Amino acid sequence: MTPSRSVHDLFDLTGKVALITGGGTGIGRQMAEGLAEAGADLVLCGRDGERCQTTAAEIAEAAGVRAIGVACDTRDQIAIQATVDRAVAEFGHLDVLVNNAGTTWAASPEETSLEGWQKVIDVNLTGAFLFAQAAGRVMLEQGHGKIVNIASVMATRGAPSDYIDAIAYNASKGGLVTFTKDLACKWGPRGINVNAIAPGWFPSIMSDKAFAVRGEMLRQKIPLGRFGSSDDLKGAIVFLCSAASDFVAGHVLAVDGGQLAQ
C-alpha cells in the first residue's frame, strides 16, 4: 500500500509548470497567483502580450517562482502551438493547462450576429480544444498532466433576458462542460486528469458592464449574498491542479456562492 502523504505535500506544486490562458487579468490572474503561491512556475498568455508579461513579472517577484508572459490569440492554432512549444522550451515540461481565456457577445438570440456567435465559440470552445490538444500531446508523452477548463454557472441552465442575454456565451460554456467530461474519459486512462471550474459572478472586464446595469439584482440571486472575491478561486484551482485531486476526473466544481444549489 502506498504510504499516505501530508496535506501540505498533496497541494504542493513546487517544480510544476502551469500554462494559464487569459492569465494577465481578472480571474485568470487570480488563479495564476494561487498556483504560484503553491509553488508552480507559470506561462501566462493572452492577446495583450505586454500585460501578460507585466503580470508574470509581478507574480514571479511576489511568489518567488519563474514566470513568463506570451502574446497568443486563442483563435490562432499556430500561435497556440508556438505558446506550448515556448513553455516546454523554457521550462522543459508542462504539467498544467488552465483554459481560462474567454469572451462574450451581449445580444438577444434573434439579434445575435453570426460574427458574434462565431467569435464566442472560437475563443471559448474551439480555443480550449486547440490548447488542450497541443498541451495534451506533451502531457501524453510525459504520462501525466492536469487540464482545468473554466466554464460557468451558465453552462448548465437557461436564464431570462433581464438576467443575462448572451446565448453564444452560455452555449459555448455548455459545450465546454461536455468537452471536459469526454476528454476526461479519453485521457484519464493515459495519466491526464481533466476537470472544470464553473465560476459564478466575479468582477472582471467582461462582467463590469452587467454589474453596472443590474448588479444588485444579480447579487440578490446568490445565496451567499456577494460576488466572488480576489481569493475565492485560488483554493479550487490549486486543488484541481495538484496531487490532491489525483482521483478526480470529469468533475465540474462550482465556485458560485450557491447559485447552482437553487
C-alpha atoms as a PDB file:
ATOM      1  CA  MET A   1       0.000   0.000   0.000  1.00  0.00           C
ATOM      2  CA  THR A   2       1.328   3.446  -0.940  1.00  0.00           C
ATOM      3  CA  PRO A   3       2.296   5.483   2.137  1.00  0.00           C
ATOM      4  CA  SER A   4      -0.054   8.396   2.823  1.00  0.00           C
ATOM      5  CA  ARG A   5       1.138  11.902   2.029  1.00  0.00           C
ATOM      6  CA  SER A   6       0.661  15.016   4.120  1.00  0.00           C
ATOM      7  CA  VAL A   7      -1.900  17.584   3.063  1.00  0.00           C
ATOM      8  CA  HIS A   8       0.935  20.045   2.504  1.00  0.00           C
ATOM      9  CA  ASP A   9       2.610  17.655   0.069  1.00  0.00           C
ATOM     10  CA  LEU A  10      -0.640  16.921  -1.752  1.00  0.00           C
ATOM     11  CA  PHE A  11      -1.220  20.597  -2.516  1.00  0.00           C
ATOM     12  CA  ASP A  12       2.426  21.487  -3.170  1.00  0.00           C
ATOM     13  CA  LEU A  13       3.090  22.488  -6.798  1.00  0.00           C
ATOM     14  CA  THR A  14       6.816  23.144  -6.468  1.00  0.00           C
ATOM     15  CA  GLY A  15       8.565  22.141  -9.682  1.00  0.00           C
ATOM     16  CA  LYS A  16       5.356  22.084 -11.714  1.00  0.00           C
ATOM     17  CA  VAL A  17       4.773  24.264 -14.772  1.00  0.00           C
ATOM     18  CA  ALA A  18       1.327  25.748 -15.394  1.00  0.00           C
ATOM     19  CA  LEU A  19       0.091  27.479 -18.539  1.00  0.00           C
ATOM     20  CA  ILE A  20      -2.883  29.796 -17.991  1.00  0.00           C
ATOM     21  CA  THR A  21      -4.708  31.293 -20.960  1.00  0.00           C
ATOM     22  CA  GLY A  22      -6.146  34.729 -20.305  1.00  0.00           C
ATOM     23  CA  GLY A  23      -3.815  34.852 -17.331  1.00  0.00           C
ATOM     24  CA  GLY A  24      -2.944  38.525 -17.449  1.00  0.00           C
ATOM     25  CA  THR A  25      -6.037  39.882 -15.729  1.00  0.00           C
ATOM     26  CA  GLY A  26      -9.264  39.066 -13.891  1.00  0.00           C
ATOM     27  CA  ILE A  27      -9.899  35.551 -12.650  1.00  0.00           C
ATOM     28  CA  GLY A  28      -7.039  34.303 -14.824  1.00  0.00           C
ATOM     29  CA  ARG A  29      -4.612  36.386 -12.825  1.00  0.00           C
ATOM     30  CA  GLN A  30      -6.215  35.281  -9.549  1.00  0.00           C
ATOM     31  CA  MET A  31      -5.743  31.621 -10.466  1.00  0.00           C
ATOM     32  CA  ALA A  32      -2.185  32.265 -11.639  1.00  0.00           C
ATOM     33  CA  GLU A  33      -1.407  33.857  -8.280  1.00  0.00           C
ATOM     34  CA  GLY A  34      -2.837  30.847  -6.456  1.00  0.00           C
ATOM     35  CA  LEU A  35      -0.797  28.385  -8.497  1.00  0.00           C
ATOM     36  CA  ALA A  36       2.379  30.433  -7.980  1.00  0.00           C
ATOM     37  CA  GLU A  37       1.750  30.677  -4.238  1.00  0.00           C
ATOM     38  CA  ALA A  38       1.574  26.857  -4.235  1.00  0.00           C
ATOM     39  CA  GLY A  39       4.983  26.771  -5.941  1.00  0.00           C
ATOM     40  CA  ALA A  40       4.244  26.444  -9.667  1.00  0.00           C
ATOM     41  CA  ASP A  41       6.202  28.211 -12.382  1.00  0.00           C
ATOM     42  CA  LEU A  42       3.934  29.996 -14.855  1.00  0.00           C
ATOM     43  CA  VAL A  43       3.339  30.708 -18.507  1.00  0.00           C
ATOM     44  CA  LEU A  44       0.671  33.394 -18.883  1.00  0.00           C
ATOM     45  CA  CYS A  45      -0.752  34.051 -22.320  1.00  0.00           C
ATOM     46  CA  GLY A  46      -3.359  36.313 -23.848  1.00  0.00           C
ATOM     47  CA  ARG A  47      -3.941  38.690 -26.724  1.00  0.00           C
ATOM     48  CA  ASP A  48      -2.262  41.504 -24.760  1.00  0.00           C
ATOM     49  CA  GLY A  49       1.232  40.072 -24.501  1.00  0.00           C
ATOM     50  CA  GLU A  50       2.612  43.128 -22.718  1.00  0.00           C
ATOM     51  CA  ARG A  51       0.012  42.830 -19.965  1.00  0.00           C
ATOM     52  CA  CYS A  52       0.804  39.135 -19.586  1.00  0.00           C
ATOM     53  CA  GLN A  53       4.500  39.923 -19.279  1.00  0.00           C
ATOM     54  CA  THR A  54       3.833  42.580 -16.635  1.00  0.00           C
ATOM     55  CA  THR A  55       1.564  40.265 -14.655  1.00  0.00           C
ATOM     56  CA  ALA A  56       4.078  37.416 -14.920  1.00  0.00           C
ATOM     57  CA  ALA A  57       6.861  39.631 -13.576  1.00  0.00           C
ATOM     58  CA  GLU A  58       4.721  40.836 -10.673  1.00  0.00           C
ATOM     59  CA  ILE A  59       3.634  37.335  -9.679  1.00  0.00           C
ATOM     60  CA  ALA A  60       7.156  35.936 -10.020  1.00  0.00           C
ATOM     61  CA  GLU A  61       8.552  38.598  -7.705  1.00  0.00           C
ATOM     62  CA  ALA A  62       5.783  38.172  -5.124  1.00  0.00           C
ATOM     63  CA  ALA A  63       5.773  34.359  -5.052  1.00  0.00           C
ATOM     64  CA  GLY A  64       9.419  33.603  -5.758  1.00  0.00           C
ATOM     65  CA  VAL A  65       8.740  31.495  -8.849  1.00  0.00           C
ATOM     66  CA  ARG A  66       9.644  31.753 -12.519  1.00  0.00           C
ATOM     67  CA  ALA A  67       7.003  33.192 -14.847  1.00  0.00           C
ATOM     68  CA  ILE A  68       6.828  34.385 -18.425  1.00  0.00           C
ATOM     69  CA  GLY A  69       4.160  36.207 -20.421  1.00  0.00           C
ATOM     70  CA  VAL A  70       3.372  35.385 -24.055  1.00  0.00           C
ATOM     71  CA  ALA A  71       1.115  37.027 -26.625  1.00  0.00           C
ATOM     72  CA  CYS A  72      -1.363  34.497 -28.029  1.00  0.00           C
ATOM     73  CA  ASP A  73      -4.780  34.689 -29.682  1.00  0.00           C
ATOM     74  CA  THR A  74      -6.706  31.531 -28.783  1.00  0.00           C
ATOM     75  CA  ARG A  75      -8.280  31.564 -32.257  1.00  0.00           C
ATOM     76  CA  ASP A  76      -4.877  31.077 -33.875  1.00  0.00           C
ATOM     77  CA  GLN A  77      -3.760  27.432 -33.938  1.00  0.00           C
ATOM     78  CA  ILE A  78      -0.218  28.323 -34.992  1.00  0.00           C
ATOM     79  CA  ALA A  79       0.126  30.788 -32.104  1.00  0.00           C
ATOM     80  CA  ILE A  80      -1.279  28.200 -29.686  1.00  0.00           C
ATOM     81  CA  GLN A  81       1.276  25.604 -30.741  1.00  0.00           C
ATOM     82  CA  ALA A  82       4.039  28.200 -30.503  1.00  0.00           C
ATOM     83  CA  THR A  83       2.950  29.054 -26.950  1.00  0.00           C
ATOM     84  CA  VAL A  84       3.045  25.418 -25.847  1.00  0.00           C
ATOM     85  CA  ASP A  85       6.417  24.977 -27.562  1.00  0.00           C
ATOM     86  CA  ARG A  86       7.720  28.076 -25.778  1.00  0.00           C
ATOM     87  CA  ALA A  87       6.576  26.693 -22.416  1.00  0.00           C
ATOM     88  CA  VAL A  88       8.392  23.407 -22.979  1.00  0.00           C
ATOM     89  CA  ALA A  89      11.496  25.132 -24.325  1.00  0.00           C
ATOM     90  CA  GLU A  90      11.613  27.492 -21.342  1.00  0.00           C
ATOM     91  CA  PHE A  91      10.868  25.001 -18.557  1.00  0.00           C
ATOM     92  CA  GLY A  92      11.491  21.551 -20.025  1.00  0.00           C
ATOM     93  CA  HIS A  93       7.996  20.180 -19.352  1.00  0.00           C
ATOM     94  CA  LEU A  94       4.339  21.189 -18.963  1.00  0.00           C
ATOM     95  CA  ASP A  95       2.228  19.847 -16.111  1.00  0.00           C
ATOM     96  CA  VAL A  96      -0.877  22.021 -16.011  1.00  0.00           C
ATOM     97  CA  LEU A  97      -3.117  23.752 -18.524  1.00  0.00           C
ATOM     98  CA  VAL A  98      -5.826  26.162 -17.384  1.00  0.00           C
ATOM     99  CA  ASN A  99      -8.154  27.041 -20.265  1.00  0.00           C
ATOM    100  CA  ASN A 100      -9.420  30.367 -18.955  1.00  0.00           C
ATOM    101  CA  ALA A 101      -9.443  32.744 -21.949  1.00  0.00           C
ATOM    102  CA  GLY A 102     -12.972  33.779 -22.798  1.00  0.00           C
ATOM    103  CA  THR A 103     -15.200  36.359 -24.402  1.00  0.00           C
ATOM    104  CA  THR A 104     -18.892  37.130 -24.705  1.00  0.00           C
ATOM    105  CA  TRP A 105     -21.377  38.814 -27.040  1.00  0.00           C
ATOM    106  CA  ALA A 106     -24.356  40.534 -25.469  1.00  0.00           C
ATOM    107  CA  ALA A 107     -27.445  40.375 -27.666  1.00  0.00           C
ATOM    108  CA  SER A 108     -30.817  38.696 -27.787  1.00  0.00           C
ATOM    109  CA  PRO A 109     -30.949  35.376 -29.667  1.00  0.00           C
ATOM    110  CA  GLU A 110     -32.803  36.962 -32.583  1.00  0.00           C
ATOM    111  CA  GLU A 111     -30.271  39.782 -32.821  1.00  0.00           C
ATOM    112  CA  THR A 112     -27.058  37.799 -32.299  1.00  0.00           C
ATOM    113  CA  SER A 113     -24.968  38.064 -35.451  1.00  0.00           C
ATOM    114  CA  LEU A 114     -23.086  35.172 -36.980  1.00  0.00           C
ATOM    115  CA  GLU A 115     -19.917  37.179 -36.375  1.00  0.00           C
ATOM    116  CA  GLY A 116     -20.693  37.422 -32.656  1.00  0.00           C
ATOM    117  CA  TRP A 117     -21.685  33.779 -32.349  1.00  0.00           C
ATOM    118  CA  GLN A 118     -18.584  32.585 -34.179  1.00  0.00           C
ATOM    119  CA  LYS A 119     -16.231  34.796 -32.163  1.00  0.00           C
ATOM    120  CA  VAL A 120     -17.516  33.411 -28.851  1.00  0.00           C
ATOM    121  CA  ILE A 121     -17.458  29.790 -29.997  1.00  0.00           C
ATOM    122  CA  ASP A 122     -13.974  30.208 -31.490  1.00  0.00           C
ATOM    123  CA  VAL A 123     -12.486  31.688 -28.312  1.00  0.00           C
ATOM    124  CA  ASN A 124     -14.383  29.863 -25.582  1.00  0.00           C
ATOM    125  CA  LEU A 125     -14.735  26.394 -27.067  1.00  0.00           C
ATOM    126  CA  THR A 126     -12.517  25.891 -30.105  1.00  0.00           C
ATOM    127  CA  GLY A 127      -9.615  27.690 -28.441  1.00  0.00           C
ATOM    128  CA  ALA A 128      -9.909  25.437 -25.399  1.00  0.00           C
ATOM    129  CA  PHE A 129      -9.882  22.385 -27.658  1.00  0.00           C
ATOM    130  CA  LEU A 130      -6.818  23.571 -29.563  1.00  0.00           C
ATOM    131  CA  PHE A 131      -4.886  24.369 -26.374  1.00  0.00           C
ATOM    132  CA  ALA A 132      -5.881  21.057 -24.806  1.00  0.00           C
ATOM    133  CA  GLN A 133      -4.800  19.237 -27.942  1.00  0.00           C
ATOM    134  CA  ALA A 134      -1.396  20.959 -28.122  1.00  0.00           C
ATOM    135  CA  ALA A 135      -0.682  20.710 -24.387  1.00  0.00           C
ATOM    136  CA  GLY A 136      -2.192  17.235 -24.208  1.00  0.00           C
ATOM    137  CA  ARG A 137       0.305  15.859 -26.690  1.00  0.00           C
ATOM    138  CA  VAL A 138       3.095  16.964 -24.359  1.00  0.00           C
ATOM    139  CA  MET A 139       1.330  15.540 -21.306  1.00  0.00           C
ATOM    140  CA  LEU A 140       0.563  12.224 -23.004  1.00  0.00           C
ATOM    141  CA  GLU A 141       4.225  11.811 -23.833  1.00  0.00           C
ATOM    142  CA  GLN A 142       5.117  12.621 -20.213  1.00  0.00           C
ATOM    143  CA  GLY A 143       2.440  10.262 -18.923  1.00  0.00           C
ATOM    144  CA  HIS A 144       0.847  12.838 -16.612  1.00  0.00           C
ATOM    145  CA  GLY A 145      -0.863  16.215 -16.575  1.00  0.00           C
ATOM    146  CA  LYS A 146      -3.775  18.290 -15.318  1.00  0.00           C
ATOM    147  CA  ILE A 147      -6.183  20.228 -17.506  1.00  0.00           C
ATOM    148  CA  VAL A 148      -8.754  22.575 -15.988  1.00  0.00           C
ATOM    149  CA  ASN A 149     -11.338  24.224 -18.233  1.00  0.00           C
ATOM    150  CA  ILE A 150     -13.032  27.362 -16.916  1.00  0.00           C
ATOM    151  CA  ALA A 151     -16.716  27.002 -17.656  1.00  0.00           C
ATOM    152  CA  SER A 152     -19.519  28.975 -15.962  1.00  0.00           C
ATOM    153  CA  VAL A 153     -22.634  28.504 -13.878  1.00  0.00           C
ATOM    154  CA  MET A 154     -24.456  29.426 -17.085  1.00  0.00           C
ATOM    155  CA  ALA A 155     -23.173  26.222 -18.711  1.00  0.00           C
ATOM    156  CA  THR A 156     -25.948  24.138 -17.170  1.00  0.00           C
ATOM    157  CA  ARG A 157     -29.013  26.378 -17.219  1.00  0.00           C
ATOM    158  CA  GLY A 158     -31.020  28.920 -19.136  1.00  0.00           C
ATOM    159  CA  ALA A 159     -31.861  32.410 -17.928  1.00  0.00           C
ATOM    160  CA  PRO A 160     -34.342  35.207 -18.655  1.00  0.00           C
ATOM    161  CA  SER A 161     -33.086  38.020 -20.851  1.00  0.00           C
ATOM    162  CA  ASP A 162     -33.096  40.510 -17.971  1.00  0.00           C
ATOM    163  CA  TYR A 163     -30.639  38.274 -16.111  1.00  0.00           C
ATOM    164  CA  ILE A 164     -28.185  37.519 -18.932  1.00  0.00           C
ATOM    165  CA  ASP A 165     -28.710  37.870 -22.672  1.00  0.00           C
ATOM    166  CA  ALA A 166     -25.677  36.141 -24.169  1.00  0.00           C
ATOM    167  CA  ILE A 167     -26.780  32.886 -25.759  1.00  0.00           C
ATOM    168  CA  ALA A 168     -23.473  32.278 -27.549  1.00  0.00           C
ATOM    169  CA  TYR A 169     -21.597  32.518 -24.248  1.00  0.00           C
ATOM    170  CA  ASN A 170     -23.943  30.119 -22.471  1.00  0.00           C
ATOM    171  CA  ALA A 171     -23.832  27.643 -25.360  1.00  0.00           C
ATOM    172  CA  SER A 172     -20.028  27.757 -25.525  1.00  0.00           C
ATOM    173  CA  LYS A 173     -19.704  27.088 -21.809  1.00  0.00           C
ATOM    174  CA  GLY A 174     -22.210  24.241 -22.004  1.00  0.00           C
ATOM    175  CA  GLY A 175     -20.111  22.734 -24.772  1.00  0.00           C
ATOM    176  CA  LEU A 176     -17.005  23.167 -22.641  1.00  0.00           C
ATOM    177  CA  VAL A 177     -18.566  21.118 -19.835  1.00  0.00           C
ATOM    178  CA  THR A 178     -19.295  18.188 -22.153  1.00  0.00           C
ATOM    179  CA  PHE A 179     -15.854  18.570 -23.728  1.00  0.00           C
ATOM    180  CA  THR A 180     -14.365  18.301 -20.223  1.00  0.00           C
ATOM    181  CA  LYS A 181     -16.268  15.142 -19.386  1.00  0.00           C
ATOM    182  CA  ASP A 182     -15.498  13.402 -22.668  1.00  0.00           C
ATOM    183  CA  LEU A 183     -11.810  14.352 -22.625  1.00  0.00           C
ATOM    184  CA  ALA A 184     -11.588  13.066 -19.045  1.00  0.00           C
ATOM    185  CA  CYS A 185     -12.796   9.670 -20.266  1.00  0.00           C
ATOM    186  CA  LYS A 186     -10.392   9.668 -23.214  1.00  0.00           C
ATOM    187  CA  TRP A 187      -7.246  10.821 -21.415  1.00  0.00           C
ATOM    188  CA  GLY A 188      -7.816   9.734 -17.813  1.00  0.00           C
ATOM    189  CA  PRO A 189      -6.514   6.210 -18.507  1.00  0.00           C
ATOM    190  CA  ARG A 190      -3.410   7.798 -20.011  1.00  0.00           C
ATOM    191  CA  GLY A 191      -2.477   9.883 -16.974  1.00  0.00           C
ATOM    192  CA  ILE A 192      -4.221  13.202 -17.581  1.00  0.00           C
ATOM    193  CA  ASN A 193      -6.890  14.477 -15.190  1.00  0.00           C
ATOM    194  CA  VAL A 194      -9.372  16.757 -16.954  1.00  0.00           C
ATOM    195  CA  ASN A 195     -11.805  18.800 -14.861  1.00  0.00           C
ATOM    196  CA  ALA A 196     -13.594  22.134 -14.949  1.00  0.00           C
ATOM    197  CA  ILE A 197     -14.486  25.025 -12.681  1.00  0.00           C
ATOM    198  CA  ALA A 198     -17.829  26.798 -13.062  1.00  0.00           C
ATOM    199  CA  PRO A 199     -17.390  30.262 -11.555  1.00  0.00           C
ATOM    200  CA  GLY A 200     -20.360  32.381 -10.616  1.00  0.00           C
ATOM    201  CA  TRP A 201     -20.294  36.166 -10.801  1.00  0.00           C
ATOM    202  CA  PHE A 202     -16.822  37.629 -10.309  1.00  0.00           C
ATOM    203  CA  PRO A 203     -15.724  41.215 -11.060  1.00  0.00           C
ATOM    204  CA  SER A 204     -13.944  41.272 -14.417  1.00  0.00           C
ATOM    205  CA  ILE A 205     -13.694  43.189 -17.657  1.00  0.00           C
ATOM    206  CA  MET A 206     -16.493  41.016 -19.068  1.00  0.00           C
ATOM    207  CA  SER A 207     -18.828  41.356 -16.087  1.00  0.00           C
ATOM    208  CA  ASP A 208     -18.291  45.023 -15.167  1.00  0.00           C
ATOM    209  CA  LYS A 209     -20.975  46.261 -17.580  1.00  0.00           C
ATOM    210  CA  ALA A 210     -23.524  43.772 -16.227  1.00  0.00           C
ATOM    211  CA  PHE A 211     -22.679  44.800 -12.663  1.00  0.00           C
ATOM    212  CA  ALA A 212     -23.169  48.470 -13.536  1.00  0.00           C
ATOM    213  CA  VAL A 213     -26.608  47.855 -15.052  1.00  0.00           C
ATOM    214  CA  ARG A 214     -28.094  45.153 -12.786  1.00  0.00           C
ATOM    215  CA  GLY A 215     -25.521  44.333 -10.136  1.00  0.00           C
ATOM    216  CA  GLU A 216     -27.923  44.419  -7.196  1.00  0.00           C
ATOM    217  CA  MET A 217     -30.368  42.060  -8.904  1.00  0.00           C
ATOM    218  CA  LEU A 218     -27.547  39.644  -9.698  1.00  0.00           C
ATOM    219  CA  ARG A 219     -26.247  39.778  -6.134  1.00  0.00           C
ATOM    220  CA  GLN A 220     -29.668  39.043  -4.677  1.00  0.00           C
ATOM    221  CA  LYS A 221     -29.807  35.759  -6.585  1.00  0.00           C
ATOM    222  CA  ILE A 222     -26.613  34.473  -4.915  1.00  0.00           C
ATOM    223  CA  PRO A 223     -27.368  32.570  -1.665  1.00  0.00           C
ATOM    224  CA  LEU A 224     -24.151  33.777  -0.006  1.00  0.00           C
ATOM    225  CA  GLY A 225     -25.176  37.337  -0.827  1.00  0.00           C
ATOM    226  CA  ARG A 226     -22.000  38.522  -2.538  1.00  0.00           C
ATOM    227  CA  PHE A 227     -19.940  38.305  -5.690  1.00  0.00           C
ATOM    228  CA  GLY A 228     -16.720  36.313  -5.911  1.00  0.00           C
ATOM    229  CA  SER A 229     -13.646  37.867  -4.305  1.00  0.00           C
ATOM    230  CA  SER A 230      -9.997  38.080  -5.278  1.00  0.00           C
ATOM    231  CA  ASP A 231      -9.275  34.854  -3.339  1.00  0.00           C
ATOM    232  CA  ASP A 232     -12.278  32.621  -3.982  1.00  0.00           C
ATOM    233  CA  LEU A 233     -10.823  30.696  -6.936  1.00  0.00           C
ATOM    234  CA  LYS A 234      -7.332  30.118  -5.548  1.00  0.00           C
ATOM    235  CA  GLY A 235      -8.146  27.050  -3.477  1.00  0.00           C
ATOM    236  CA  ALA A 236     -10.244  25.477  -6.228  1.00  0.00           C
ATOM    237  CA  ILE A 237      -7.595  25.827  -8.910  1.00  0.00           C
ATOM    238  CA  VAL A 238      -4.759  24.597  -6.671  1.00  0.00           C
ATOM    239  CA  PHE A 239      -6.852  21.576  -5.697  1.00  0.00           C
ATOM    240  CA  LEU A 240      -7.607  20.600  -9.295  1.00  0.00           C
ATOM    241  CA  CYS A 241      -4.014  21.161 -10.442  1.00  0.00           C
ATOM    242  CA  SER A 242      -2.308  19.310  -7.589  1.00  0.00           C
ATOM    243  CA  ALA A 243      -1.961  15.734  -6.378  1.00  0.00           C
ATOM    244  CA  ALA A 244      -4.846  16.414  -4.001  1.00  0.00           C
ATOM    245  CA  SER A 245      -7.200  15.809  -6.959  1.00  0.00           C
ATOM    246  CA  ASP A 246      -5.487  12.741  -8.431  1.00  0.00           C
ATOM    247  CA  PHE A 247      -8.720  10.714  -8.069  1.00  0.00           C
ATOM    248  CA  VAL A 248     -10.934  13.461  -9.547  1.00  0.00           C
ATOM    249  CA  ALA A 249     -11.760  13.423 -13.265  1.00  0.00           C
ATOM    250  CA  GLY A 250     -14.571  14.791 -15.385  1.00  0.00           C
ATOM    251  CA  HIS A 251     -15.828  16.924 -12.498  1.00  0.00           C
ATOM    252  CA  VAL A 252     -17.258  20.447 -12.716  1.00  0.00           C
ATOM    253  CA  LEU A 253     -16.579  22.333  -9.487  1.00  0.00           C
ATOM    254  CA  ALA A 254     -18.963  25.246  -8.963  1.00  0.00           C
ATOM    255  CA  VAL A 255     -17.474  28.267  -7.202  1.00  0.00           C
ATOM    256  CA  ASP A 256     -20.613  30.353  -7.290  1.00  0.00           C
ATOM    257  CA  GLY A 257     -21.807  31.317  -3.823  1.00  0.00           C
ATOM    258  CA  GLY A 258     -24.547  28.705  -4.055  1.00  0.00           C
ATOM    259  CA  GLN A 259     -26.244  29.736  -7.315  1.00  0.00           C
ATOM    260  CA  LEU A 260     -26.486  26.212  -8.682  1.00  0.00           C
ATOM    261  CA  ALA A 261     -27.976  24.983  -5.405  1.00  0.00           C
ATOM    262  CA  GLN A 262     -31.202  26.848  -6.208  1.00  0.00           C
END
